[in-house]
Amino acid sequence: MGILLDIDRQLLLWLNGSDSLFMDGVMATLTAGTTWIPLYLALFYLILKNNETMAQVMLTVGCAVVCVLITAGITNLVVKPLVARPRPCNDLFIKYMVDVVQGISSRNYSFFSAHLAHP
């Protein structure tokens, strides 16, 4: 387990330590929820186009919403408390080596990232 944590820390420091305003902008854009609105609209269009009745559309959208709620619940209520991995800004080994984005909550756990589990 120690080897995995070392690799993870080195990867984080490599990605975080670039000091590139361009990469900071790319990462901020990719993690912003509004960036993905065109994708959600395209998926909704595909749902409308490939289902014949409004009941089918509502069932598909409803199932997608339930899946998002389930993944959010599993992420935030089960996995994060069980793993209890601190965010990099709270990790005593690398706390002062990482650049932290302002406005990011440092109170809760980081593993695994909720935006990877649901939009």
Protein backbone atom coordinates (compact mmCIF):
# COMPACT_ATOMS: atom_id res chain seq x y z
CA MET A 1 0.00 0.00 0.00
CA GLY A 2 2.90 2.34 0.76
CA ILE A 3 4.23 2.01 -2.78
CA LEU A 4 0.85 3.00 -4.24
CA LEU A 5 0.67 6.06 -1.98
CA ASP A 6 4.20 7.08 -3.01
CA ILE A 7 3.35 6.74 -6.70
CA ASP A 8 0.11 8.67 -6.16
CA ARG A 9 1.91 11.49 -4.35
CA GLN A 10 4.61 11.72 -7.02
CA LEU A 11 2.00 11.83 -9.78
CA LEU A 12 0.05 14.53 -7.94
CA LEU A 13 3.16 16.61 -7.37
CA TRP A 14 4.17 16.21 -11.02
CA LEU A 15 0.74 17.30 -12.28
CA ASN A 16 0.27 19.99 -9.66
CA GLY A 17 3.81 21.36 -9.85
CA SER A 18 3.77 22.44 -13.48
CA ASP A 19 3.06 26.08 -12.50
CA SER A 20 1.43 26.43 -15.90
CA LEU A 21 -1.40 28.94 -16.11
CA PHE A 22 -2.53 27.18 -19.28
CA MET A 23 -2.82 23.79 -17.54
CA ASP A 24 -4.52 25.42 -14.55
CA GLY A 25 -7.09 26.85 -16.97
CA VAL A 26 -7.55 23.50 -18.73
CA MET A 27 -8.12 21.66 -15.46
CA ALA A 28 -10.51 24.33 -14.16
CA THR A 29 -12.48 24.15 -17.42
CA LEU A 30 -12.66 20.35 -17.45
CA THR A 31 -13.88 20.16 -13.85
CA ALA A 32 -16.51 22.91 -14.20
CA GLY A 33 -20.03 21.54 -14.45
CA THR A 34 -21.07 24.02 -17.12
CA THR A 35 -18.41 22.69 -19.49
CA TRP A 36 -20.37 19.48 -19.87
CA ILE A 37 -23.79 21.02 -20.59
CA PRO A 38 -23.41 20.50 -24.39
CA LEU A 39 -22.70 16.80 -23.76
CA TYR A 40 -25.78 16.47 -21.54
CA LEU A 41 -27.90 18.21 -24.17
CA ALA A 42 -26.54 15.90 -26.89
CA LEU A 43 -27.30 12.85 -24.76
CA PHE A 44 -30.81 14.13 -24.08
CA TYR A 45 -31.27 14.67 -27.82
CA LEU A 46 -30.22 11.07 -28.45
CA ILE A 47 -32.68 9.88 -25.83
CA LEU A 48 -35.48 11.86 -27.49
CA LYS A 49 -34.53 10.63 -30.95
CA ASN A 50 -34.22 6.95 -30.02
CA ASN A 51 -37.38 6.54 -27.93
CA GLU A 52 -40.85 6.47 -29.38
CA THR A 53 -43.02 7.65 -26.51
CA MET A 54 -42.69 10.22 -23.76
CA ALA A 55 -43.01 7.40 -21.23
CA GLN A 56 -39.86 5.79 -22.63
CA VAL A 57 -38.04 9.13 -22.54
CA MET A 58 -39.09 9.74 -18.93
CA LEU A 59 -38.10 6.19 -17.94
CA THR A 60 -34.64 6.63 -19.48
CA VAL A 61 -34.09 10.06 -17.91
CA GLY A 62 -35.47 8.81 -14.58
CA CYS A 63 -33.10 5.83 -14.59
CA ALA A 64 -30.17 8.13 -15.35
CA VAL A 65 -31.12 10.40 -12.43
CA VAL A 66 -31.43 7.40 -10.10
CA CYS A 67 -27.98 6.18 -11.20
CA VAL A 68 -26.45 9.61 -10.46
CA LEU A 69 -28.11 9.68 -7.04
CA ILE A 70 -26.91 6.16 -6.23
CA THR A 71 -23.32 6.92 -7.24
CA ALA A 72 -23.36 10.16 -5.25
CA GLY A 73 -24.67 8.31 -2.19
CA ILE A 74 -22.15 5.50 -2.49
CA THR A 75 -19.30 7.97 -3.03
CA ASN A 76 -20.11 10.41 -0.25
CA LEU A 77 -21.82 8.19 2.32
CA VAL A 78 -19.95 4.89 1.97
CA VAL A 79 -16.57 5.01 0.20
CA LYS A 80 -15.20 8.34 1.42
CA PRO A 81 -15.91 7.66 5.13
CA LEU A 82 -14.54 4.10 4.85
CA VAL A 83 -11.32 5.09 3.08
CA ALA A 84 -11.01 8.41 4.97
CA ARG A 85 -8.22 9.69 2.74
CA PRO A 86 -7.44 13.34 3.42
CA ARG A 87 -7.34 15.90 0.66
CA PRO A 88 -3.84 16.90 -0.45
CA CYS A 89 -4.20 20.22 1.40
CA ASN A 90 -4.69 18.20 4.62
CA ASP A 91 -2.06 15.50 3.97
CA LEU A 92 0.83 16.22 6.34
CA PHE A 93 3.40 14.77 3.89
CA ILE A 94 2.59 17.05 0.94
CA LYS A 95 0.46 19.83 2.40
CA TYR A 96 2.99 22.57 1.72
CA MET A 97 4.15 21.22 -1.65
CA VAL A 98 0.84 21.48 -3.53
CA ASP A 99 -0.86 24.51 -4.97
CA VAL A 100 -4.43 24.61 -3.71
CA VAL A 101 -7.28 26.12 -5.69
CA GLN A 102 -9.14 28.78 -3.75
CA GLY A 103 -12.70 27.87 -2.81
CA ILE A 104 -12.12 24.12 -2.66
CA SER A 105 -13.48 22.61 0.50
CA SER A 106 -10.75 21.12 2.65
CA ARG A 107 -13.11 19.63 5.23
CA ASN A 108 -14.11 16.38 3.57
CA TYR A 109 -12.19 13.44 2.16
CA SER A 110 -10.72 13.17 -1.30
CA PHE A 111 -10.97 9.52 -2.32
CA PHE A 112 -12.49 8.97 -4.62
CA SER A 113 -13.31 12.21 -6.30
CA ALA A 114 -17.05 12.74 -6.49
CA HIS A 115 -16.87 14.39 -9.90
CA LEU A 116 -15.48 11.14 -11.25
CA ALA A 117 -18.47 9.23 -9.94
CA HIS A 118 -21.21 11.57 -11.09
CA PRO A 119 -21.57 14.82 -13.04
